[in-house]
Amino acid sequence: MTLFSAMHFLKLQVQHGGDIHEIILPTNSNDPCVEELQQHLQNQLNIPLDVQRIMFKGQNLHDKPHGKLRKFGITNASLIRVVGRKQPIRR
């Protein structure tokens, strides 16, 4: 017997620099952790993990990689602020 876990998606708004990006975080959990968000931001916005500073309603999330997003009050359509320099695109 094979069990399939359902794929979940969390739609977020990410403020970075002067722009607001809409991202969709695919996850195997209905309550993803900060680390999953960090990986996705690195892949989608090209912001390296070691320079990411993620803030939501006065909370520093980058210090708590195993914290669950729901615990911090993050739900669909939440606006998250990210500080960190993008990596130059190499050709």
PDB file of N, CA and C in Angstrom:
ATOM      1  N   MET A   1       0.843  -1.175   0.000  1.00  0.00           N
ATOM      2  CA  MET A   1       0.000   0.000   0.000  1.00  0.00           C
ATOM      3  C   MET A   1       0.890   1.241   0.000  1.00  0.00           C
ATOM      4  N   THR A   2       0.620   2.146  -0.907  1.00  0.00           N
ATOM      5  CA  THR A   2       1.396   3.368  -1.014  1.00  0.00           C
ATOM      6  C   THR A   2       0.547   4.544  -0.568  1.00  0.00           C
ATOM      7  N   LEU A   3       1.129   5.370   0.280  1.00  0.00           N
ATOM      8  CA  LEU A   3       0.433   6.574   0.732  1.00  0.00           C
ATOM      9  C   LEU A   3       1.011   7.780   0.019  1.00  0.00           C
ATOM     10  N   PHE A   4       0.146   8.606  -0.501  1.00  0.00           N
ATOM     11  CA  PHE A   4       0.574   9.825  -1.156  1.00  0.00           C
ATOM     12  C   PHE A   4       0.221  10.998  -0.258  1.00  0.00           C
ATOM     13  N   SER A   5       1.181  11.850   0.002  1.00  0.00           N
ATOM     14  CA  SER A   5       0.867  13.043   0.782  1.00  0.00           C
ATOM     15  C   SER A   5       0.414  14.131  -0.179  1.00  0.00           C
ATOM     16  N   ALA A   6      -0.588  14.832   0.212  1.00  0.00           N
ATOM     17  CA  ALA A   6      -1.130  15.874  -0.637  1.00  0.00           C
ATOM     18  C   ALA A   6      -0.180  17.070  -0.660  1.00  0.00           C
ATOM     19  N   MET A   7      -0.065  17.669  -1.822  1.00  0.00           N
ATOM     20  CA  MET A   7       0.756  18.862  -1.958  1.00  0.00           C
ATOM     21  C   MET A   7      -0.090  20.052  -1.515  1.00  0.00           C
ATOM     22  N   HIS A   8       0.490  20.919  -0.727  1.00  0.00           N
ATOM     23  CA  HIS A   8      -0.181  22.125  -0.258  1.00  0.00           C
ATOM     24  C   HIS A   8       0.535  23.330  -0.848  1.00  0.00           C
ATOM     25  N   PHE A   9      -0.172  24.432  -0.932  1.00  0.00           N
ATOM     26  CA  PHE A   9       0.393  25.658  -1.471  1.00  0.00           C
ATOM     27  C   PHE A   9       0.024  26.816  -0.567  1.00  0.00           C
ATOM     28  N   LEU A  10       0.989  27.678  -0.310  1.00  0.00           N
ATOM     29  CA  LEU A  10       0.764  28.863   0.492  1.00  0.00           C
ATOM     30  C   LEU A  10       1.122  30.066  -0.373  1.00  0.00           C
ATOM     31  N   LYS A  11       0.148  30.921  -0.617  1.00  0.00           N
ATOM     32  CA  LYS A  11       0.350  32.095  -1.459  1.00  0.00           C
ATOM     33  C   LYS A  11       0.721  33.264  -0.553  1.00  0.00           C
ATOM     34  N   LEU A  12       1.885  33.871  -0.811  1.00  0.00           N
ATOM     35  CA  LEU A  12       2.388  34.947   0.030  1.00  0.00           C
ATOM     36  C   LEU A  12       2.786  36.152  -0.802  1.00  0.00           C
ATOM     37  N   GLN A  13       2.767  37.306  -0.169  1.00  0.00           N
ATOM     38  CA  GLN A  13       3.311  38.505  -0.779  1.00  0.00           C
ATOM     39  C   GLN A  13       4.623  38.790  -0.068  1.00  0.00           C
ATOM     40  N   VAL A  14       5.671  39.020  -0.845  1.00  0.00           N
ATOM     41  CA  VAL A  14       7.002  39.237  -0.297  1.00  0.00           C
ATOM     42  C   VAL A  14       7.476  40.619  -0.713  1.00  0.00           C
ATOM     43  N   GLN A  15       7.716  41.465   0.275  1.00  0.00           N
ATOM     44  CA  GLN A  15       8.256  42.795   0.008  1.00  0.00           C
ATOM     45  C   GLN A  15       9.770  42.703   0.080  1.00  0.00           C
ATOM     46  N   HIS A  16      10.412  43.038  -1.030  1.00  0.00           N
ATOM     47  CA  HIS A  16      11.878  43.008  -1.097  1.00  0.00           C
ATOM     48  C   HIS A  16      12.324  44.213  -1.895  1.00  0.00           C
ATOM     49  N   GLY A  17      13.169  45.037  -1.285  1.00  0.00           N
ATOM     50  CA  GLY A  17      13.538  46.287  -1.940  1.00  0.00           C
ATOM     51  C   GLY A  17      12.287  47.142  -2.034  1.00  0.00           C
ATOM     52  N   GLY A  18      12.054  47.717  -3.169  1.00  0.00           N
ATOM     53  CA  GLY A  18      10.849  48.520  -3.357  1.00  0.00           C
ATOM     54  C   GLY A  18       9.719  47.752  -4.011  1.00  0.00           C
ATOM     55  N   ASP A  19       9.908  46.452  -4.218  1.00  0.00           N
ATOM     56  CA  ASP A  19       8.933  45.652  -4.955  1.00  0.00           C
ATOM     57  C   ASP A  19       8.176  44.701  -4.038  1.00  0.00           C
ATOM     58  N   ILE A  20       6.977  44.349  -4.469  1.00  0.00           N
ATOM     59  CA  ILE A  20       6.212  43.295  -3.794  1.00  0.00           C
ATOM     60  C   ILE A  20       6.026  42.173  -4.798  1.00  0.00           C
ATOM     61  N   HIS A  21       6.517  40.999  -4.430  1.00  0.00           N
ATOM     62  CA  HIS A  21       6.425  39.814  -5.280  1.00  0.00           C
ATOM     63  C   HIS A  21       5.364  38.886  -4.714  1.00  0.00           C
ATOM     64  N   GLU A  22       4.582  38.302  -5.589  1.00  0.00           N
ATOM     65  CA  GLU A  22       3.632  37.289  -5.149  1.00  0.00           C
ATOM     66  C   GLU A  22       4.280  35.940  -5.420  1.00  0.00           C
ATOM     67  N   ILE A  23       4.421  35.142  -4.376  1.00  0.00           N
ATOM     68  CA  ILE A  23       5.025  33.820  -4.545  1.00  0.00           C
ATOM     69  C   ILE A  23       4.051  32.756  -4.064  1.00  0.00           C
ATOM     70  N   ILE A  24       4.237  31.574  -4.585  1.00  0.00           N
ATOM     71  CA  ILE A  24       3.459  30.419  -4.136  1.00  0.00           C
ATOM     72  C   ILE A  24       4.455  29.409  -3.600  1.00  0.00           C
ATOM     73  N   LEU A  25       4.314  29.111  -2.318  1.00  0.00           N
ATOM     74  CA  LEU A  25       5.211  28.185  -1.641  1.00  0.00           C
ATOM     75  C   LEU A  25       4.600  26.787  -1.689  1.00  0.00           C
ATOM     76  N   PRO A  26       5.150  25.882  -2.518  1.00  0.00           N
ATOM     77  CA  PRO A  26       4.660  24.500  -2.531  1.00  0.00           C
ATOM     78  C   PRO A  26       5.269  23.749  -1.351  1.00  0.00           C
ATOM     79  N   THR A  27       4.471  22.944  -0.685  1.00  0.00           N
ATOM     80  CA  THR A  27       4.960  22.225   0.485  1.00  0.00           C
ATOM     81  C   THR A  27       4.208  20.911   0.655  1.00  0.00           C
ATOM     82  N   ASN A  28       4.840  19.969   1.309  1.00  0.00           N
ATOM     83  CA  ASN A  28       4.187  18.695   1.607  1.00  0.00           C
ATOM     84  C   ASN A  28       3.408  18.762   2.913  1.00  0.00           C
ATOM     85  N   SER A  29       3.538  19.866   3.616  1.00  0.00           N
ATOM     86  CA  SER A  29       2.894  20.033   4.916  1.00  0.00           C
ATOM     87  C   SER A  29       1.844  21.126   4.821  1.00  0.00           C
ATOM     88  N   ASN A  30       0.795  21.023   5.630  1.00  0.00           N
ATOM     89  CA  ASN A  30      -0.165  22.117   5.648  1.00  0.00           C
ATOM     90  C   ASN A  30       0.308  23.224   6.592  1.00  0.00           C
ATOM     91  N   ASP A  31       1.452  23.025   7.242  1.00  0.00           N
ATOM     92  CA  ASP A  31       2.046  24.038   8.108  1.00  0.00           C
ATOM     93  C   ASP A  31       3.562  24.048   7.903  1.00  0.00           C
ATOM     94  N   PRO A  32       4.030  24.674   6.800  1.00  0.00           N
ATOM     95  CA  PRO A  32       5.463  24.664   6.491  1.00  0.00           C
ATOM     96  C   PRO A  32       6.270  25.464   7.513  1.00  0.00           C
ATOM     97  N   CYS A  33       7.561  25.218   7.525  1.00  0.00           N
ATOM     98  CA  CYS A  33       8.449  25.920   8.460  1.00  0.00           C
ATOM     99  C   CYS A  33       9.201  27.041   7.748  1.00  0.00           C
ATOM    100  N   VAL A  34       9.840  27.876   8.530  1.00  0.00           N
ATOM    101  CA  VAL A  34      10.586  29.024   8.012  1.00  0.00           C
ATOM    102  C   VAL A  34      11.662  28.573   7.029  1.00  0.00           C
ATOM    103  N   GLU A  35      12.306  27.459   7.331  1.00  0.00           N
ATOM    104  CA  GLU A  35      13.372  26.948   6.463  1.00  0.00           C
ATOM    105  C   GLU A  35      12.866  26.670   5.045  1.00  0.00           C
ATOM    106  N   GLU A  36      11.641  26.138   4.920  1.00  0.00           N
ATOM    107  CA  GLU A  36      11.060  25.906   3.589  1.00  0.00           C
ATOM    108  C   GLU A  36      10.866  27.227   2.856  1.00  0.00           C
ATOM    109  N   LEU A  37      10.406  28.245   3.580  1.00  0.00           N
ATOM    110  CA  LEU A  37      10.232  29.566   2.990  1.00  0.00           C
ATOM    111  C   LEU A  37      11.580  30.128   2.548  1.00  0.00           C
ATOM    112  N   GLN A  38      12.597  29.967   3.374  1.00  0.00           N
ATOM    113  CA  GLN A  38      13.927  30.473   3.036  1.00  0.00           C
ATOM    114  C   GLN A  38      14.462  29.817   1.761  1.00  0.00           C
ATOM    115  N   GLN A  39      14.313  28.513   1.652  1.00  0.00           N
ATOM    116  CA  GLN A  39      14.768  27.801   0.450  1.00  0.00           C
ATOM    117  C   GLN A  39      14.034  28.318  -0.784  1.00  0.00           C
ATOM    118  N   HIS A  40      12.729  28.510  -0.639  1.00  0.00           N
ATOM    119  CA  HIS A  40      11.927  28.971  -1.773  1.00  0.00           C
ATOM    120  C   HIS A  40      12.335  30.394  -2.178  1.00  0.00           C
ATOM    121  N   LEU A  41      12.596  31.254  -1.200  1.00  0.00           N
ATOM    122  CA  LEU A  41      13.029  32.618  -1.508  1.00  0.00           C
ATOM    123  C   LEU A  41      14.382  32.612  -2.209  1.00  0.00           C
ATOM    124  N   GLN A  42      15.245  31.705  -1.790  1.00  0.00           N
ATOM    125  CA  GLN A  42      16.547  31.600  -2.453  1.00  0.00           C
ATOM    126  C   GLN A  42      16.364  31.188  -3.911  1.00  0.00           C
ATOM    127  N   ASN A  43      15.493  30.221  -4.154  1.00  0.00           N
ATOM    128  CA  ASN A  43      15.273  29.725  -5.512  1.00  0.00           C
ATOM    129  C   ASN A  43      14.508  30.717  -6.391  1.00  0.00           C
ATOM    130  N   GLN A  44      13.471  31.351  -5.827  1.00  0.00           N
ATOM    131  CA  GLN A  44      12.612  32.214  -6.632  1.00  0.00           C
ATOM    132  C   GLN A  44      13.141  33.636  -6.787  1.00  0.00           C
ATOM    133  N   LEU A  45      13.716  34.199  -5.723  1.00  0.00           N
ATOM    134  CA  LEU A  45      14.143  35.593  -5.763  1.00  0.00           C
ATOM    135  C   LEU A  45      15.660  35.754  -5.801  1.00  0.00           C
ATOM    136  N   ASN A  46      16.383  34.630  -5.764  1.00  0.00           N
ATOM    137  CA  ASN A  46      17.840  34.634  -5.863  1.00  0.00           C
ATOM    138  C   ASN A  46      18.505  35.392  -4.703  1.00  0.00           C
ATOM    139  N   ILE A  47      17.936  35.236  -3.495  1.00  0.00           N
ATOM    140  CA  ILE A  47      18.510  35.849  -2.300  1.00  0.00           C
ATOM    141  C   ILE A  47      19.151  34.722  -1.490  1.00  0.00           C
ATOM    142  N   PRO A  48      20.474  34.709  -1.361  1.00  0.00           N
ATOM    143  CA  PRO A  48      21.149  33.619  -0.644  1.00  0.00           C
ATOM    144  C   PRO A  48      20.672  33.501   0.807  1.00  0.00           C
ATOM    145  N   LEU A  49      20.617  32.269   1.295  1.00  0.00           N
ATOM    146  CA  LEU A  49      20.151  32.001   2.661  1.00  0.00           C
ATOM    147  C   LEU A  49      20.905  32.807   3.710  1.00  0.00           C
ATOM    148  N   ASP A  50      22.214  32.922   3.548  1.00  0.00           N
ATOM    149  CA  ASP A  50      23.016  33.563   4.592  1.00  0.00           C
ATOM    150  C   ASP A  50      22.830  35.076   4.682  1.00  0.00           C
ATOM    151  N   VAL A  51      22.167  35.693   3.712  1.00  0.00           N
ATOM    152  CA  VAL A  51      21.916  37.136   3.794  1.00  0.00           C
ATOM    153  C   VAL A  51      20.430  37.462   3.964  1.00  0.00           C
ATOM    154  N   GLN A  52      19.567  36.451   3.996  1.00  0.00           N
ATOM    155  CA  GLN A  52      18.136  36.687   4.153  1.00  0.00           C
ATOM    156  C   GLN A  52      17.803  37.129   5.572  1.00  0.00           C
ATOM    157  N   ARG A  53      17.014  38.171   5.670  1.00  0.00           N
ATOM    158  CA  ARG A  53      16.437  38.606   6.936  1.00  0.00           C
ATOM    159  C   ARG A  53      14.939  38.683   6.687  1.00  0.00           C
ATOM    160  N   ILE A  54      14.184  37.782   7.300  1.00  0.00           N
ATOM    161  CA  ILE A  54      12.747  37.671   7.054  1.00  0.00           C
ATOM    162  C   ILE A  54      11.999  38.208   8.268  1.00  0.00           C
ATOM    163  N   MET A  55      11.098  39.156   8.021  1.00  0.00           N
ATOM    164  CA  MET A  55      10.339  39.763   9.099  1.00  0.00           C
ATOM    165  C   MET A  55       8.845  39.705   8.809  1.00  0.00           C
ATOM    166  N   PHE A  56       8.078  39.486   9.870  1.00  0.00           N
ATOM    167  CA  PHE A  56       6.621  39.475   9.759  1.00  0.00           C
ATOM    168  C   PHE A  56       6.055  40.031  11.056  1.00  0.00           C
ATOM    169  N   LYS A  57       5.372  41.156  10.953  1.00  0.00           N
ATOM    170  CA  LYS A  57       4.737  41.808  12.110  1.00  0.00           C
ATOM    171  C   LYS A  57       5.695  41.943  13.294  1.00  0.00           C
ATOM    172  N   GLY A  58       6.886  42.455  13.028  1.00  0.00           N
ATOM    173  CA  GLY A  58       7.851  42.710  14.090  1.00  0.00           C
ATOM    174  C   GLY A  58       8.634  41.502  14.572  1.00  0.00           C
ATOM    175  N   GLN A  59       8.393  40.342  13.981  1.00  0.00           N
ATOM    176  CA  GLN A  59       9.094  39.123  14.386  1.00  0.00           C
ATOM    177  C   GLN A  59      10.200  38.804  13.387  1.00  0.00           C
ATOM    178  N   ASN A  60      11.375  38.467  13.883  1.00  0.00           N
ATOM    179  CA  ASN A  60      12.470  38.019  13.025  1.00  0.00           C
ATOM    180  C   ASN A  60      12.353  36.513  12.836  1.00  0.00           C
ATOM    181  N   LEU A  61      11.999  36.098  11.646  1.00  0.00           N
ATOM    182  CA  LEU A  61      11.779  34.668  11.396  1.00  0.00           C
ATOM    183  C   LEU A  61      13.062  33.939  11.017  1.00  0.00           C
ATOM    184  N   HIS A  62      14.022  34.650  10.435  1.00  0.00           N
ATOM    185  CA  HIS A  62      15.248  33.998   9.969  1.00  0.00           C
ATOM    186  C   HIS A  62      16.038  33.375  11.118  1.00  0.00           C
ATOM    187  N   ASP A  63      15.784  33.810  12.341  1.00  0.00           N
ATOM    188  CA  ASP A  63      16.458  33.241  13.515  1.00  0.00           C
ATOM    189  C   ASP A  63      15.825  31.930  13.978  1.00  0.00           C
ATOM    190  N   LYS A  64      14.673  31.577  13.394  1.00  0.00           N
ATOM    191  CA  LYS A  64      13.908  30.413  13.838  1.00  0.00           C
ATOM    192  C   LYS A  64      13.574  29.501  12.657  1.00  0.00           C
ATOM    193  N   PRO A  65      14.582  28.879  12.031  1.00  0.00           N
ATOM    194  CA  PRO A  65      14.342  28.113  10.800  1.00  0.00           C
ATOM    195  C   PRO A  65      13.363  26.944  10.961  1.00  0.00           C
ATOM    196  N   HIS A  66      13.233  26.390  12.159  1.00  0.00           N
ATOM    197  CA  HIS A  66      12.337  25.250  12.339  1.00  0.00           C
ATOM    198  C   HIS A  66      10.955  25.668  12.848  1.00  0.00           C
ATOM    199  N   GLY A  67      10.766  26.967  13.032  1.00  0.00           N
ATOM    200  CA  GLY A  67       9.464  27.470  13.472  1.00  0.00           C
ATOM    201  C   GLY A  67       8.426  27.335  12.373  1.00  0.00           C
ATOM    202  N   LYS A  68       7.224  26.992  12.763  1.00  0.00           N
ATOM    203  CA  LYS A  68       6.134  26.837  11.800  1.00  0.00           C
ATOM    204  C   LYS A  68       5.546  28.195  11.446  1.00  0.00           C
ATOM    205  N   LEU A  69       5.270  28.412  10.160  1.00  0.00           N
ATOM    206  CA  LEU A  69       4.763  29.700   9.704  1.00  0.00           C
ATOM    207  C   LEU A  69       3.446  30.064  10.377  1.00  0.00           C
ATOM    208  N   ARG A  70       2.583  29.092  10.578  1.00  0.00           N
ATOM    209  CA  ARG A  70       1.285  29.349  11.202  1.00  0.00           C
ATOM    210  C   ARG A  70       1.454  29.875  12.628  1.00  0.00           C
ATOM    211  N   LYS A  71       2.483  29.383  13.325  1.00  0.00           N
ATOM    212  CA  LYS A  71       2.757  29.828  14.703  1.00  0.00           C
ATOM    213  C   LYS A  71       3.037  31.330  14.752  1.00  0.00           C
ATOM    214  N   PHE A  72       3.621  31.854  13.681  1.00  0.00           N
ATOM    215  CA  PHE A  72       3.928  33.281  13.606  1.00  0.00           C
ATOM    216  C   PHE A  72       2.756  34.095  13.060  1.00  0.00           C
ATOM    217  N   GLY A  73       1.664  33.428  12.700  1.00  0.00           N
ATOM    218  CA  GLY A  73       0.485  34.117  12.185  1.00  0.00           C
ATOM    219  C   GLY A  73       0.463  34.260  10.676  1.00  0.00           C
ATOM    220  N   ILE A  74       1.328  33.528   9.986  1.00  0.00           N
ATOM    221  CA  ILE A  74       1.404  33.635   8.522  1.00  0.00           C
ATOM    222  C   ILE A  74       0.397  32.677   7.890  1.00  0.00           C
ATOM    223  N   THR A  75      -0.475  33.239   7.080  1.00  0.00           N
ATOM    224  CA  THR A  75      -1.489  32.467   6.359  1.00  0.00           C
ATOM    225  C   THR A  75      -1.482  32.934   4.904  1.00  0.00           C
ATOM    226  N   ASN A  76      -2.393  32.389   4.106  1.00  0.00           N
ATOM    227  CA  ASN A  76      -2.503  32.813   2.709  1.00  0.00           C
ATOM    228  C   ASN A  76      -2.642  34.328   2.628  1.00  0.00           C
ATOM    229  N   ALA A  77      -1.950  34.921   1.670  1.00  0.00           N
ATOM    230  CA  ALA A  77      -1.991  36.349   1.363  1.00  0.00           C
ATOM    231  C   ALA A  77      -1.266  37.212   2.390  1.00  0.00           C
ATOM    232  N   SER A  78      -0.533  36.626   3.331  1.00  0.00           N
ATOM    233  CA  SER A  78       0.249  37.414   4.283  1.00  0.00           C
ATOM    234  C   SER A  78       1.360  38.157   3.549  1.00  0.00           C
ATOM    235  N   LEU A  79       1.706  39.332   4.063  1.00  0.00           N
ATOM    236  CA  LEU A  79       2.794  40.128   3.506  1.00  0.00           C
ATOM    237  C   LEU A  79       4.017  39.964   4.395  1.00  0.00           C
ATOM    238  N   ILE A  80       5.088  39.438   3.818  1.00  0.00           N
ATOM    239  CA  ILE A  80       6.336  39.187   4.530  1.00  0.00           C
ATOM    240  C   ILE A  80       7.381  40.147   3.982  1.00  0.00           C
ATOM    241  N   ARG A  81       8.210  40.672   4.856  1.00  0.00           N
ATOM    242  CA  ARG A  81       9.277  41.579   4.428  1.00  0.00           C
ATOM    243  C   ARG A  81      10.598  40.825   4.447  1.00  0.00           C
ATOM    244  N   VAL A  82      11.337  40.931   3.352  1.00  0.00           N
ATOM    245  CA  VAL A  82      12.632  40.254   3.245  1.00  0.00           C
ATOM    246  C   VAL A  82      13.706  41.287   2.912  1.00  0.00           C
ATOM    247  N   VAL A  83      14.764  41.269   3.713  1.00  0.00           N
ATOM    248  CA  VAL A  83      15.911  42.123   3.461  1.00  0.00           C
ATOM    249  C   VAL A  83      17.065  41.208   3.090  1.00  0.00           C
ATOM    250  N   GLY A  84      17.826  41.595   2.104  1.00  0.00           N
ATOM    251  CA  GLY A  84      18.972  40.797   1.663  1.00  0.00           C
ATOM    252  C   GLY A  84      19.274  41.104   0.221  1.00  0.00           C
ATOM    253  N   ARG A  85      20.541  41.141  -0.094  1.00  0.00           N
ATOM    254  CA  ARG A  85      20.971  41.486  -1.447  1.00  0.00           C
ATOM    255  C   ARG A  85      20.859  40.258  -2.359  1.00  0.00           C
ATOM    256  N   LYS A  86      20.272  40.475  -3.513  1.00  0.00           N
ATOM    257  CA  LYS A  86      20.190  39.392  -4.502  1.00  0.00           C
ATOM    258  C   LYS A  86      21.584  39.057  -5.001  1.00  0.00           C
ATOM    259  N   GLN A  87      21.744  37.798  -5.348  1.00  0.00           N
ATOM    260  CA  GLN A  87      22.996  37.362  -5.925  1.00  0.00           C
ATOM    261  C   GLN A  87      23.000  37.721  -7.408  1.00  0.00           C
ATOM    262  N   PRO A  88      24.123  38.209  -7.942  1.00  0.00           N
ATOM    263  CA  PRO A  88      24.150  38.505  -9.373  1.00  0.00           C
ATOM    264  C   PRO A  88      23.944  37.228 -10.183  1.00  0.00           C
ATOM    265  N   ILE A  89      23.249  37.381 -11.284  1.00  0.00           N
ATOM    266  CA  ILE A  89      23.009  36.226 -12.154  1.00  0.00           C
ATOM    267  C   ILE A  89      24.269  35.967 -12.966  1.00  0.00           C
ATOM    268  N   ARG A  90      24.739  34.752 -12.887  1.00  0.00           N
ATOM    269  CA  ARG A  90      25.975  34.384 -13.621  1.00  0.00           C
ATOM    270  C   ARG A  90      25.595  33.731 -14.928  1.00  0.00           C
ATOM    271  N   ARG A  91      26.328  34.112 -15.949  1.00  0.00           N
ATOM    272  CA  ARG A  91      26.049  33.556 -17.291  1.00  0.00           C
ATOM    273  C   ARG A  91      27.190  32.702 -17.744  1.00  0.00           C
TER     274      ARG A  91
END
